[in-house]
């Protein structure tokens, strides 16, 4: 019987094999992003322009997701609120994933599928924006919030993967990464977040410095 230390030993420590695996994963990531951005560049530009207009008119951005996508939501919110480029202005954005009190209260007392809906209903208003991130496009709490946001007059944007799930039906703009690998989907989502952030500032008249 294998000991704990033996069972935790990597199956392959051959440097050549590990190097080949690293390069294969990098090629997969590059190919996935190249296909996605080639197919979606026009819609991404349209979405960035719509979001820039919303910010110009006083709109705020609400972002949500689960697990790794909740981290992406917090990431994009801080990018807008605290720009890494000093000359760019801060823009109002809030991750709906960071208030553990409201998330656990709604999840415990009602239904976790309503965790983001309640926040959108209380905080969102016509002219704001809602961005939902889900690698499958099937996250119930994200999709319900996007539906509520759209009904309330918010601009709705979805980031998904695989076949898109329900997101294409309920979002003004939906970007589906053509992959069944959660890692490749998340990598493309991260790049898309940075590109949207940059384009929004450029469209609003800021210098293109990235």
N, C-alpha and C. Protein backbone atom coordinates (compact mmCIF):
# COMPACT_ATOMS: atom_id res chain seq x y z
N UNK A 1 0.85 -1.20 0.00
CA UNK A 1 0.00 0.00 0.00
C UNK A 1 0.89 1.25 0.00
N UNK A 2 0.56 2.21 -0.85
CA UNK A 2 1.37 3.42 -0.97
C UNK A 2 1.18 4.31 0.25
N UNK A 3 2.26 4.91 0.70
CA UNK A 3 2.18 5.86 1.80
C UNK A 3 1.65 7.18 1.26
N UNK A 4 1.33 8.10 2.18
CA UNK A 4 0.81 9.41 1.78
C UNK A 4 1.82 10.15 0.93
N UNK A 5 3.11 10.05 1.33
CA UNK A 5 4.13 10.77 0.57
C UNK A 5 4.30 10.18 -0.82
N UNK A 6 4.17 8.83 -0.91
CA UNK A 6 4.31 8.18 -2.22
C UNK A 6 3.14 8.53 -3.13
N UNK A 7 1.92 8.55 -2.58
CA UNK A 7 0.75 8.81 -3.40
C UNK A 7 0.69 10.25 -3.88
N UNK A 8 1.37 11.16 -3.16
CA UNK A 8 1.34 12.56 -3.56
C UNK A 8 2.47 12.93 -4.52
N UNK A 9 3.35 11.96 -4.80
CA UNK A 9 4.45 12.21 -5.72
C UNK A 9 3.92 12.35 -7.14
N UNK A 10 4.33 13.37 -7.88
CA UNK A 10 3.87 13.52 -9.27
C UNK A 10 4.17 12.28 -10.08
N UNK A 11 3.28 11.94 -11.00
CA UNK A 11 3.46 10.74 -11.81
C UNK A 11 4.63 10.90 -12.77
N UNK A 12 4.89 12.14 -13.19
CA UNK A 12 6.00 12.37 -14.12
C UNK A 12 6.85 13.52 -13.62
N UNK A 13 8.12 13.24 -13.44
CA UNK A 13 9.06 14.30 -13.07
C UNK A 13 10.10 14.49 -14.17
N UNK A 14 9.83 13.88 -15.31
CA UNK A 14 10.76 14.00 -16.43
C UNK A 14 10.71 15.42 -16.97
N UNK A 15 11.81 16.17 -16.91
CA UNK A 15 11.81 17.57 -17.35
C UNK A 15 11.31 17.76 -18.78
N UNK A 16 11.68 16.87 -19.67
CA UNK A 16 11.25 17.00 -21.07
C UNK A 16 9.74 16.85 -21.20
N UNK A 17 9.18 15.89 -20.45
CA UNK A 17 7.73 15.68 -20.50
C UNK A 17 6.98 16.87 -19.91
N UNK A 18 7.49 17.40 -18.79
CA UNK A 18 6.85 18.55 -18.17
C UNK A 18 6.93 19.77 -19.07
N UNK A 19 8.08 19.96 -19.69
CA UNK A 19 8.24 21.09 -20.61
C UNK A 19 7.27 20.98 -21.78
N UNK A 20 7.13 19.77 -22.31
CA UNK A 20 6.19 19.56 -23.42
C UNK A 20 4.76 19.85 -22.99
N UNK A 21 4.42 19.47 -21.76
CA UNK A 21 3.08 19.74 -21.24
C UNK A 21 2.83 21.24 -21.10
N UNK A 22 3.83 21.95 -20.58
CA UNK A 22 3.72 23.40 -20.43
C UNK A 22 3.47 24.06 -21.78
N UNK A 23 4.27 23.69 -22.77
CA UNK A 23 4.15 24.31 -24.09
C UNK A 23 2.83 23.94 -24.76
N UNK A 24 2.36 22.72 -24.53
CA UNK A 24 1.07 22.31 -25.10
C UNK A 24 -0.06 23.15 -24.52
N UNK A 25 -0.04 23.36 -23.20
CA UNK A 25 -1.08 24.16 -22.56
C UNK A 25 -1.03 25.61 -23.06
N UNK A 26 0.17 26.13 -23.24
CA UNK A 26 0.31 27.49 -23.75
C UNK A 26 -0.25 27.61 -25.16
N UNK A 27 0.04 26.62 -25.99
CA UNK A 27 -0.47 26.63 -27.37
C UNK A 27 -2.00 26.55 -27.37
N UNK A 28 -2.55 25.73 -26.49
CA UNK A 28 -4.01 25.62 -26.38
C UNK A 28 -4.62 26.96 -25.98
N UNK A 29 -4.00 27.61 -25.00
CA UNK A 29 -4.50 28.90 -24.53
C UNK A 29 -4.45 29.94 -25.64
N UNK A 30 -3.34 29.98 -26.35
CA UNK A 30 -3.18 30.94 -27.44
C UNK A 30 -4.20 30.68 -28.54
N UNK A 31 -4.36 29.41 -28.92
CA UNK A 31 -5.29 29.06 -29.99
C UNK A 31 -6.73 29.40 -29.62
N UNK A 32 -7.09 29.12 -28.37
CA UNK A 32 -8.45 29.42 -27.91
C UNK A 32 -8.72 30.91 -27.96
N UNK A 33 -7.79 31.69 -27.45
CA UNK A 33 -7.98 33.15 -27.45
C UNK A 33 -7.96 33.72 -28.86
N UNK A 34 -7.10 33.20 -29.70
CA UNK A 34 -7.04 33.72 -31.08
C UNK A 34 -8.36 33.47 -31.80
N UNK A 35 -8.91 32.27 -31.65
CA UNK A 35 -10.20 31.97 -32.28
C UNK A 35 -11.30 32.86 -31.71
N UNK A 36 -11.34 32.95 -30.39
CA UNK A 36 -12.38 33.73 -29.73
C UNK A 36 -12.33 35.20 -30.14
N UNK A 37 -11.17 35.82 -30.05
CA UNK A 37 -11.09 37.25 -30.34
C UNK A 37 -11.23 37.55 -31.82
N UNK A 38 -10.81 36.64 -32.68
CA UNK A 38 -11.03 36.83 -34.12
C UNK A 38 -12.52 36.86 -34.43
N UNK A 39 -13.27 35.96 -33.81
CA UNK A 39 -14.71 35.88 -34.05
C UNK A 39 -15.50 36.98 -33.34
N UNK A 40 -14.98 37.50 -32.24
CA UNK A 40 -15.76 38.39 -31.37
C UNK A 40 -15.32 39.84 -31.37
N UNK A 41 -14.25 40.18 -32.07
CA UNK A 41 -13.68 41.53 -31.96
C UNK A 41 -14.69 42.62 -32.25
N UNK A 42 -15.51 42.44 -33.28
CA UNK A 42 -16.49 43.46 -33.63
C UNK A 42 -17.49 43.70 -32.52
N UNK A 43 -18.03 42.62 -31.96
CA UNK A 43 -19.00 42.75 -30.87
C UNK A 43 -18.36 43.29 -29.60
N UNK A 44 -17.11 42.94 -29.37
CA UNK A 44 -16.40 43.49 -28.20
C UNK A 44 -16.30 45.00 -28.32
N UNK A 45 -15.96 45.49 -29.51
CA UNK A 45 -15.87 46.93 -29.73
C UNK A 45 -17.22 47.60 -29.52
N UNK A 46 -18.30 46.98 -30.01
CA UNK A 46 -19.64 47.53 -29.81
C UNK A 46 -19.99 47.58 -28.33
N UNK A 47 -19.67 46.50 -27.62
CA UNK A 47 -19.97 46.44 -26.19
C UNK A 47 -19.20 47.51 -25.43
N UNK A 48 -17.93 47.67 -25.75
CA UNK A 48 -17.11 48.69 -25.08
C UNK A 48 -17.69 50.08 -25.31
N UNK A 49 -18.16 50.35 -26.53
CA UNK A 49 -18.75 51.65 -26.83
C UNK A 49 -20.03 51.87 -26.03
N UNK A 50 -20.86 50.82 -25.93
CA UNK A 50 -22.10 50.93 -25.15
C UNK A 50 -21.80 51.15 -23.68
N UNK A 51 -20.80 50.47 -23.15
CA UNK A 51 -20.44 50.65 -21.75
C UNK A 51 -19.83 52.02 -21.50
N UNK A 52 -19.04 52.51 -22.45
CA UNK A 52 -18.46 53.85 -22.31
C UNK A 52 -19.56 54.90 -22.26
N UNK A 53 -20.59 54.74 -23.11
CA UNK A 53 -21.72 55.68 -23.09
C UNK A 53 -22.44 55.63 -21.75
N UNK A 54 -22.62 54.43 -21.24
CA UNK A 54 -23.30 54.29 -19.95
C UNK A 54 -22.51 54.97 -18.84
N UNK A 55 -21.21 54.79 -18.81
CA UNK A 55 -20.39 55.48 -17.81
C UNK A 55 -20.48 56.99 -17.99
N UNK A 56 -20.46 57.46 -19.23
CA UNK A 56 -20.55 58.90 -19.50
C UNK A 56 -21.85 59.49 -18.96
N UNK A 57 -22.90 58.69 -18.96
CA UNK A 57 -24.22 59.15 -18.52
C UNK A 57 -24.48 58.86 -17.05
N UNK A 58 -23.44 58.52 -16.32
CA UNK A 58 -23.57 58.29 -14.88
C UNK A 58 -23.88 56.87 -14.47
N UNK A 59 -23.78 55.94 -15.40
CA UNK A 59 -24.06 54.55 -15.08
C UNK A 59 -22.98 53.92 -14.23
N UNK A 60 -23.37 52.89 -13.51
CA UNK A 60 -22.44 52.14 -12.66
C UNK A 60 -22.41 50.69 -13.12
N UNK A 61 -21.30 50.03 -12.87
CA UNK A 61 -21.12 48.65 -13.30
C UNK A 61 -21.20 47.71 -12.10
N UNK A 62 -22.07 46.70 -12.20
CA UNK A 62 -22.18 45.65 -11.19
C UNK A 62 -21.69 44.34 -11.81
N UNK A 63 -20.81 43.64 -11.10
CA UNK A 63 -20.17 42.45 -11.66
C UNK A 63 -20.39 41.26 -10.72
N UNK A 64 -20.60 40.07 -11.30
CA UNK A 64 -20.88 38.90 -10.46
C UNK A 64 -20.40 37.62 -11.12
N UNK A 65 -20.16 36.62 -10.29
CA UNK A 65 -19.74 35.31 -10.75
C UNK A 65 -19.55 34.41 -9.54
N UNK A 66 -19.26 33.15 -9.77
CA UNK A 66 -19.06 32.18 -8.70
C UNK A 66 -17.66 31.58 -8.78
N UNK A 67 -17.11 31.21 -7.63
CA UNK A 67 -15.80 30.57 -7.63
C UNK A 67 -14.73 31.44 -8.24
N UNK A 68 -14.00 30.88 -9.21
CA UNK A 68 -12.97 31.67 -9.88
C UNK A 68 -13.55 32.89 -10.57
N UNK A 69 -14.78 32.77 -11.07
CA UNK A 69 -15.41 33.91 -11.74
C UNK A 69 -15.77 35.02 -10.74
N UNK A 70 -15.97 34.66 -9.47
CA UNK A 70 -16.19 35.70 -8.46
C UNK A 70 -14.91 36.51 -8.26
N UNK A 71 -13.77 35.83 -8.37
CA UNK A 71 -12.48 36.54 -8.28
C UNK A 71 -12.31 37.46 -9.48
N UNK A 72 -12.73 37.00 -10.67
CA UNK A 72 -12.67 37.86 -11.85
C UNK A 72 -13.57 39.08 -11.66
N UNK A 73 -14.73 38.88 -11.04
CA UNK A 73 -15.64 40.00 -10.79
C UNK A 73 -14.99 41.05 -9.90
N UNK A 74 -14.35 40.59 -8.83
CA UNK A 74 -13.66 41.53 -7.94
C UNK A 74 -12.50 42.20 -8.66
N UNK A 75 -11.82 41.45 -9.51
CA UNK A 75 -10.67 41.96 -10.27
C UNK A 75 -11.10 43.11 -11.16
N UNK A 76 -12.15 42.90 -11.96
CA UNK A 76 -12.55 43.95 -12.90
C UNK A 76 -13.10 45.17 -12.15
N UNK A 77 -13.77 44.95 -11.04
CA UNK A 77 -14.29 46.08 -10.27
C UNK A 77 -13.16 46.97 -9.77
N UNK A 78 -12.11 46.36 -9.24
CA UNK A 78 -11.00 47.18 -8.73
C UNK A 78 -10.23 47.84 -9.86
N UNK A 79 -10.19 47.21 -11.04
CA UNK A 79 -9.54 47.85 -12.19
C UNK A 79 -10.22 49.18 -12.52
N UNK A 80 -11.56 49.18 -12.48
CA UNK A 80 -12.29 50.41 -12.77
C UNK A 80 -12.21 51.41 -11.63
N UNK A 81 -12.31 50.93 -10.40
CA UNK A 81 -12.34 51.84 -9.25
C UNK A 81 -10.96 52.39 -8.90
N UNK A 82 -9.92 51.61 -9.19
CA UNK A 82 -8.56 52.02 -8.83
C UNK A 82 -7.65 51.73 -10.02
N UNK A 83 -7.70 52.56 -11.08
CA UNK A 83 -6.95 52.27 -12.31
C UNK A 83 -5.45 52.12 -12.06
N UNK A 84 -4.86 51.13 -12.73
CA UNK A 84 -3.41 50.93 -12.58
C UNK A 84 -2.62 51.99 -13.33
N UNK A 85 -3.28 52.70 -14.22
CA UNK A 85 -2.64 53.80 -14.95
C UNK A 85 -3.13 55.10 -14.34
N UNK A 86 -2.24 55.85 -13.74
CA UNK A 86 -2.62 57.01 -12.93
C UNK A 86 -3.43 58.05 -13.68
N UNK A 87 -3.16 58.23 -14.97
CA UNK A 87 -3.84 59.28 -15.71
C UNK A 87 -5.29 58.93 -16.05
N UNK A 88 -5.66 57.69 -15.89
CA UNK A 88 -7.02 57.30 -16.22
C UNK A 88 -7.95 57.50 -15.02
N UNK A 89 -9.15 58.03 -15.27
CA UNK A 89 -10.06 58.29 -14.16
C UNK A 89 -10.68 57.01 -13.62
N UNK A 90 -11.02 57.02 -12.35
CA UNK A 90 -11.75 55.91 -11.76
C UNK A 90 -13.19 55.95 -12.24
N UNK A 91 -13.78 54.78 -12.42
CA UNK A 91 -15.18 54.67 -12.85
C UNK A 91 -15.91 53.77 -11.86
N UNK A 92 -17.19 54.06 -11.58
CA UNK A 92 -17.91 53.33 -10.54
C UNK A 92 -18.22 51.88 -10.91
N UNK A 93 -17.69 50.96 -10.13
CA UNK A 93 -17.92 49.54 -10.36
C UNK A 93 -17.95 48.82 -9.02
N UNK A 94 -18.81 47.82 -8.92
CA UNK A 94 -18.98 47.09 -7.66
C UNK A 94 -19.12 45.60 -7.94
N UNK A 95 -18.29 44.79 -7.29
CA UNK A 95 -18.44 43.33 -7.37
C UNK A 95 -19.50 42.90 -6.36
N UNK A 96 -20.52 42.21 -6.83
CA UNK A 96 -21.59 41.75 -5.95
C UNK A 96 -21.23 40.46 -5.23
N UNK A 97 -19.98 40.09 -5.30
CA UNK A 97 -19.51 38.82 -4.73
C UNK A 97 -18.78 38.98 -3.41
N UNK A 98 -18.61 40.20 -2.94
CA UNK A 98 -17.71 40.44 -1.81
C UNK A 98 -18.40 40.64 -0.47
N UNK A 99 -19.72 40.83 -0.46
CA UNK A 99 -20.44 41.05 0.79
C UNK A 99 -20.92 39.70 1.32
N UNK A 100 -20.11 39.09 2.17
CA UNK A 100 -20.45 37.75 2.66
C UNK A 100 -21.72 37.76 3.51
N UNK A 101 -22.02 38.87 4.15
CA UNK A 101 -23.22 38.93 4.98
C UNK A 101 -24.48 38.80 4.13
N UNK A 102 -24.58 39.58 3.07
CA UNK A 102 -25.78 39.52 2.23
C UNK A 102 -25.83 38.20 1.46
N UNK A 103 -24.68 37.71 1.00
CA UNK A 103 -24.67 36.46 0.24
C UNK A 103 -25.13 35.29 1.11
N UNK A 104 -24.63 35.22 2.34
CA UNK A 104 -25.01 34.11 3.22
C UNK A 104 -26.42 34.28 3.77
N UNK A 105 -26.84 35.52 3.98
CA UNK A 105 -28.21 35.75 4.47
C UNK A 105 -29.23 35.30 3.44
N UNK A 106 -29.05 35.75 2.21
CA UNK A 106 -29.99 35.36 1.15
C UNK A 106 -29.90 33.86 0.89
N UNK A 107 -28.68 33.32 0.86
CA UNK A 107 -28.51 31.89 0.61
C UNK A 107 -29.14 31.03 1.69
N UNK A 108 -29.05 31.47 2.94
CA UNK A 108 -29.59 30.70 4.06
C UNK A 108 -31.09 30.88 4.21
N UNK A 109 -31.56 32.12 4.10
CA UNK A 109 -32.97 32.43 4.37
C UNK A 109 -33.88 32.24 3.17
N UNK A 110 -33.31 32.38 1.97
CA UNK A 110 -34.13 32.26 0.76
C UNK A 110 -33.57 31.16 -0.15
N UNK A 111 -32.71 31.58 -1.06
CA UNK A 111 -32.15 30.63 -2.04
C UNK A 111 -30.89 31.26 -2.59
N UNK A 112 -29.80 30.47 -2.65
CA UNK A 112 -28.55 31.03 -3.16
C UNK A 112 -28.70 31.52 -4.60
N UNK A 113 -29.67 30.99 -5.32
CA UNK A 113 -29.91 31.44 -6.69
C UNK A 113 -30.38 32.88 -6.74
N UNK A 114 -30.79 33.43 -5.59
CA UNK A 114 -31.26 34.82 -5.52
C UNK A 114 -30.20 35.77 -4.98
N UNK A 115 -29.02 35.28 -4.69
CA UNK A 115 -28.00 36.08 -4.01
C UNK A 115 -27.67 37.37 -4.75
N UNK A 116 -27.56 37.31 -6.07
CA UNK A 116 -27.22 38.50 -6.84
C UNK A 116 -28.46 39.28 -7.26
N UNK A 117 -29.58 38.57 -7.44
CA UNK A 117 -30.83 39.23 -7.82
C UNK A 117 -31.21 40.30 -6.81
N UNK A 118 -31.14 39.94 -5.53
CA UNK A 118 -31.55 40.89 -4.49
C UNK A 118 -30.69 42.15 -4.53
N UNK A 119 -29.41 41.99 -4.76
CA UNK A 119 -28.52 43.16 -4.81
C UNK A 119 -28.81 44.02 -6.04
N UNK A 120 -29.07 43.38 -7.18
CA UNK A 120 -29.41 44.13 -8.38
C UNK A 120 -30.70 44.92 -8.17
N UNK A 121 -31.68 44.30 -7.56
CA UNK A 121 -32.97 44.97 -7.34
C UNK A 121 -32.83 46.16 -6.39
N UNK A 122 -31.99 46.03 -5.39
CA UNK A 122 -31.83 47.10 -4.42
C UNK A 122 -30.91 48.22 -4.92
N UNK A 123 -29.88 47.87 -5.66
CA UNK A 123 -28.85 48.83 -6.03
C UNK A 123 -28.93 49.32 -7.47
N UNK A 124 -29.39 48.47 -8.37
CA UNK A 124 -29.37 48.81 -9.79
C UNK A 124 -30.48 49.75 -10.19
N UNK A 125 -30.21 50.50 -11.24
CA UNK A 125 -31.22 51.41 -11.80
C UNK A 125 -31.01 51.47 -13.31
N UNK A 126 -32.02 51.93 -14.00
CA UNK A 126 -31.92 52.05 -15.45
C UNK A 126 -30.72 52.91 -15.83
N UNK A 127 -29.94 52.45 -16.79
CA UNK A 127 -28.73 53.16 -17.19
C UNK A 127 -27.46 52.57 -16.62
N UNK A 128 -27.60 51.71 -15.60
CA UNK A 128 -26.43 51.01 -15.05
C UNK A 128 -26.09 49.82 -15.95
N UNK A 129 -25.07 49.07 -15.57
CA UNK A 129 -24.62 47.90 -16.31
C UNK A 129 -24.46 46.71 -15.38
N UNK A 130 -24.77 45.53 -15.88
CA UNK A 130 -24.57 44.28 -15.12
C UNK A 130 -23.72 43.34 -15.97
N UNK A 131 -22.63 42.89 -15.40
CA UNK A 131 -21.74 41.95 -16.08
C UNK A 131 -21.72 40.64 -15.30
N UNK A 132 -22.16 39.56 -15.93
CA UNK A 132 -22.17 38.25 -15.30
C UNK A 132 -21.13 37.35 -15.93
N UNK A 133 -20.38 36.63 -15.10
CA UNK A 133 -19.31 35.76 -15.58
C UNK A 133 -19.60 34.32 -15.14
N UNK A 134 -19.63 33.40 -16.11
CA UNK A 134 -19.89 31.99 -15.82
C UNK A 134 -19.24 31.15 -16.90
N UNK A 135 -18.35 30.26 -16.53
CA UNK A 135 -17.64 29.47 -17.55
C UNK A 135 -18.59 28.56 -18.32
N UNK A 136 -19.72 28.21 -17.73
CA UNK A 136 -20.69 27.35 -18.41
C UNK A 136 -21.85 28.13 -19.01
N UNK A 137 -22.06 29.35 -18.49
CA UNK A 137 -23.23 30.12 -18.90
C UNK A 137 -24.51 29.64 -18.24
N UNK A 138 -24.39 28.73 -17.26
CA UNK A 138 -25.56 28.11 -16.66
C UNK A 138 -25.70 28.40 -15.17
N UNK A 139 -24.94 29.33 -14.63
CA UNK A 139 -25.01 29.64 -13.20
C UNK A 139 -26.35 30.31 -12.90
N UNK A 140 -27.18 29.66 -12.10
CA UNK A 140 -28.54 30.15 -11.87
C UNK A 140 -28.55 31.53 -11.24
N UNK A 141 -27.69 31.76 -10.25
CA UNK A 141 -27.72 33.06 -9.57
C UNK A 141 -27.26 34.19 -10.49
N UNK A 142 -26.30 33.91 -11.35
CA UNK A 142 -25.84 34.92 -12.31
C UNK A 142 -26.92 35.19 -13.35
N UNK A 143 -27.50 34.14 -13.91
CA UNK A 143 -28.49 34.32 -14.96
C UNK A 143 -29.76 35.00 -14.46
N UNK A 144 -30.18 34.65 -13.26
CA UNK A 144 -31.37 35.31 -12.71
C UNK A 144 -31.12 36.80 -12.49
N UNK A 145 -29.93 37.12 -12.04
CA UNK A 145 -29.59 38.53 -11.83
C UNK A 145 -29.52 39.28 -13.16
N UNK A 146 -28.98 38.64 -14.18
CA UNK A 146 -28.93 39.28 -15.49
C UNK A 146 -30.33 39.51 -16.04
N UNK A 147 -31.23 38.57 -15.84
CA UNK A 147 -32.61 38.75 -16.28
C UNK A 147 -33.27 39.91 -15.54
N UNK A 148 -33.06 39.96 -14.23
CA UNK A 148 -33.63 41.05 -13.44
C UNK A 148 -33.04 42.39 -13.86
N UNK A 149 -31.75 42.39 -14.14
CA UNK A 149 -31.08 43.63 -14.56
C UNK A 149 -31.63 44.12 -15.89
N UNK A 150 -31.79 43.21 -16.82
CA UNK A 150 -32.31 43.60 -18.14
C UNK A 150 -33.73 44.15 -18.02
N UNK A 151 -34.55 43.51 -17.19
CA UNK A 151 -35.92 43.97 -16.99
C UNK A 151 -35.96 45.36 -16.36
N UNK A 152 -34.93 45.69 -15.57
CA UNK A 152 -34.87 46.99 -14.90
C UNK A 152 -34.21 48.06 -15.75
N UNK A 153 -33.79 47.72 -16.96
CA UNK A 153 -33.21 48.72 -17.85
C UNK A 153 -31.71 48.84 -17.78
N UNK A 154 -31.04 47.85 -17.20
CA UNK A 154 -29.57 47.86 -17.17
C UNK A 154 -29.04 47.25 -18.46
N UNK A 155 -27.89 47.71 -18.90
CA UNK A 155 -27.17 47.06 -20.00
C UNK A 155 -26.60 45.76 -19.45
N UNK A 156 -26.84 44.65 -20.13
CA UNK A 156 -26.40 43.36 -19.61
C UNK A 156 -25.33 42.75 -20.51
N UNK A 157 -24.26 42.27 -19.86
CA UNK A 157 -23.12 41.68 -20.55
C UNK A 157 -22.82 40.33 -19.90
N UNK A 158 -22.62 39.31 -20.70
CA UNK A 158 -22.30 37.99 -20.17
C UNK A 158 -21.01 37.44 -20.74
N UNK A 159 -20.22 36.82 -19.88
CA UNK A 159 -19.03 36.08 -20.30
C UNK A 159 -19.31 34.61 -20.02
N UNK A 160 -19.23 33.78 -21.04
CA UNK A 160 -19.51 32.36 -20.85
C UNK A 160 -18.51 31.51 -21.61
N UNK A 161 -18.75 30.21 -21.62
CA UNK A 161 -17.91 29.28 -22.35
C UNK A 161 -18.74 28.12 -22.83
N UNK A 162 -18.10 27.11 -23.38
CA UNK A 162 -18.78 25.92 -23.88
C UNK A 162 -19.82 26.32 -24.93
N UNK A 163 -21.12 26.03 -24.69
CA UNK A 163 -22.15 26.40 -25.67
C UNK A 163 -22.86 27.69 -25.29
N UNK A 164 -22.39 28.36 -24.23
CA UNK A 164 -22.98 29.63 -23.82
C UNK A 164 -24.10 29.51 -22.81
N UNK A 165 -24.66 28.30 -22.65
CA UNK A 165 -25.77 28.14 -21.71
C UNK A 165 -26.94 29.03 -22.09
N UNK A 166 -27.53 29.69 -21.09
CA UNK A 166 -28.68 30.57 -21.33
C UNK A 166 -28.26 32.01 -21.59
N UNK A 167 -27.00 32.31 -21.37
CA UNK A 167 -26.56 33.70 -21.44
C UNK A 167 -26.86 34.41 -22.76
N UNK A 168 -26.67 33.75 -23.91
CA UNK A 168 -26.95 34.47 -25.16
C UNK A 168 -28.38 34.98 -25.27
N UNK A 169 -29.32 34.30 -24.60
CA UNK A 169 -30.73 34.68 -24.67
C UNK A 169 -31.05 35.88 -23.78
N UNK A 170 -30.29 36.07 -22.72
CA UNK A 170 -30.70 37.04 -21.70
C UNK A 170 -29.77 38.25 -21.60
N UNK A 171 -28.76 38.32 -22.46
CA UNK A 171 -27.80 39.43 -22.39
C UNK A 171 -27.84 40.28 -23.65
N UNK A 172 -27.60 41.56 -23.48
CA UNK A 172 -27.44 42.44 -24.64
C UNK A 172 -26.18 42.07 -25.41
N UNK A 173 -25.15 41.71 -24.67
CA UNK A 173 -23.89 41.26 -25.27
C UNK A 173 -23.44 40.02 -24.53
N UNK A 174 -23.20 38.94 -25.27
CA UNK A 174 -22.70 37.71 -24.65
C UNK A 174 -21.47 37.24 -25.41
N UNK A 175 -20.43 36.94 -24.67
CA UNK A 175 -19.17 36.50 -25.26
C UNK A 175 -18.86 35.08 -24.77
N UNK A 176 -18.97 34.13 -25.70
CA UNK A 176 -18.80 32.72 -25.37
C UNK A 176 -17.46 32.21 -25.89
N UNK A 177 -16.62 31.77 -24.98
CA UNK A 177 -15.30 31.25 -25.35
C UNK A 177 -15.46 29.83 -25.87
N UNK A 178 -14.98 29.53 -27.08
CA UNK A 178 -15.19 28.22 -27.70
C UNK A 178 -14.27 27.14 -27.14
N UNK A 179 -14.54 26.73 -25.92
CA UNK A 179 -13.71 25.71 -25.28
C UNK A 179 -14.52 25.00 -24.21
N UNK A 180 -14.15 23.75 -23.91
CA UNK A 180 -14.76 23.01 -22.81
C UNK A 180 -13.81 22.92 -21.62
N UNK A 181 -12.66 23.57 -21.72
CA UNK A 181 -11.69 23.61 -20.62
C UNK A 181 -11.95 24.85 -19.78
N UNK A 182 -12.25 24.64 -18.50
CA UNK A 182 -12.51 25.77 -17.62
C UNK A 182 -11.30 26.69 -17.56
N UNK A 183 -10.10 26.12 -17.55
CA UNK A 183 -8.89 26.94 -17.48
C UNK A 183 -8.75 27.83 -18.72
N UNK A 184 -8.95 27.25 -19.92
CA UNK A 184 -8.82 28.04 -21.14
C UNK A 184 -9.90 29.12 -21.19
N UNK A 185 -11.10 28.79 -20.73
CA UNK A 185 -12.19 29.77 -20.71
C UNK A 185 -11.85 30.92 -19.77
N UNK A 186 -11.38 30.60 -18.57
CA UNK A 186 -11.03 31.64 -17.60
C UNK A 186 -9.90 32.52 -18.11
N UNK A 187 -8.93 31.93 -18.78
CA UNK A 187 -7.82 32.72 -19.32
C UNK A 187 -8.31 33.71 -20.36
N UNK A 188 -9.24 33.28 -21.21
CA UNK A 188 -9.81 34.19 -22.21
C UNK A 188 -10.66 35.27 -21.55
N UNK A 189 -11.41 34.90 -20.51
CA UNK A 189 -12.21 35.89 -19.78
C UNK A 189 -11.32 36.98 -19.19
N UNK A 190 -10.21 36.59 -18.59
CA UNK A 190 -9.29 37.57 -18.00
C UNK A 190 -8.78 38.55 -19.06
N UNK A 191 -8.41 38.02 -20.21
CA UNK A 191 -7.92 38.89 -21.28
C UNK A 191 -9.03 39.81 -21.77
N UNK A 192 -10.24 39.27 -21.90
CA UNK A 192 -11.37 40.09 -22.33
C UNK A 192 -11.67 41.21 -21.34
N UNK A 193 -11.59 40.91 -20.06
CA UNK A 193 -11.81 41.95 -19.04
C UNK A 193 -10.83 43.09 -19.22
N UNK A 194 -9.57 42.77 -19.42
CA UNK A 194 -8.56 43.82 -19.58
C UNK A 194 -8.77 44.61 -20.86
N UNK A 195 -9.15 43.92 -21.93
CA UNK A 195 -9.38 44.62 -23.20
C UNK A 195 -10.58 45.55 -23.08
N UNK A 196 -11.68 45.07 -22.50
CA UNK A 196 -12.85 45.93 -22.33
C UNK A 196 -12.53 47.15 -21.48
N UNK A 197 -11.83 46.92 -20.37
CA UNK A 197 -11.43 48.04 -19.51
C UNK A 197 -10.65 49.07 -20.30
N UNK A 198 -9.69 48.61 -21.09
CA UNK A 198 -8.85 49.52 -21.86
C UNK A 198 -9.66 50.25 -22.93
N UNK A 199 -10.48 49.51 -23.69
CA UNK A 199 -11.26 50.12 -24.76
C UNK A 199 -12.23 51.17 -24.24
N UNK A 200 -12.85 50.89 -23.11
CA UNK A 200 -13.79 51.86 -22.54
C UNK A 200 -13.10 53.18 -22.27
N UNK A 201 -11.91 53.13 -21.71
CA UNK A 201 -11.16 54.36 -21.45
C UNK A 201 -10.75 55.04 -22.75
N UNK A 202 -10.31 54.27 -23.73
CA UNK A 202 -9.89 54.85 -25.01
C UNK A 202 -11.08 55.53 -25.70
N UNK A 203 -12.24 54.87 -25.70
CA UNK A 203 -13.43 55.44 -26.32
C UNK A 203 -13.85 56.72 -25.61
N UNK A 204 -13.62 56.80 -24.31
CA UNK A 204 -13.96 58.00 -23.55
C UNK A 204 -12.92 59.11 -23.70
N UNK A 205 -11.92 58.87 -24.54
CA UNK A 205 -10.95 59.92 -24.85
C UNK A 205 -9.62 59.82 -24.16
N UNK A 206 -9.40 58.73 -23.42
CA UNK A 206 -8.12 58.56 -22.75
C UNK A 206 -7.08 58.01 -23.72
N UNK A 207 -5.83 58.24 -23.42
CA UNK A 207 -4.75 57.78 -24.28
C UNK A 207 -4.66 56.25 -24.30
N UNK A 208 -4.43 55.69 -25.48
CA UNK A 208 -4.26 54.24 -25.61
C UNK A 208 -2.81 53.91 -25.27
N UNK A 209 -2.60 53.42 -24.05
CA UNK A 209 -1.23 53.23 -23.57
C UNK A 209 -0.87 51.77 -23.33
N UNK A 210 -1.80 50.86 -23.54
CA UNK A 210 -1.52 49.45 -23.25
C UNK A 210 -1.18 48.71 -24.54
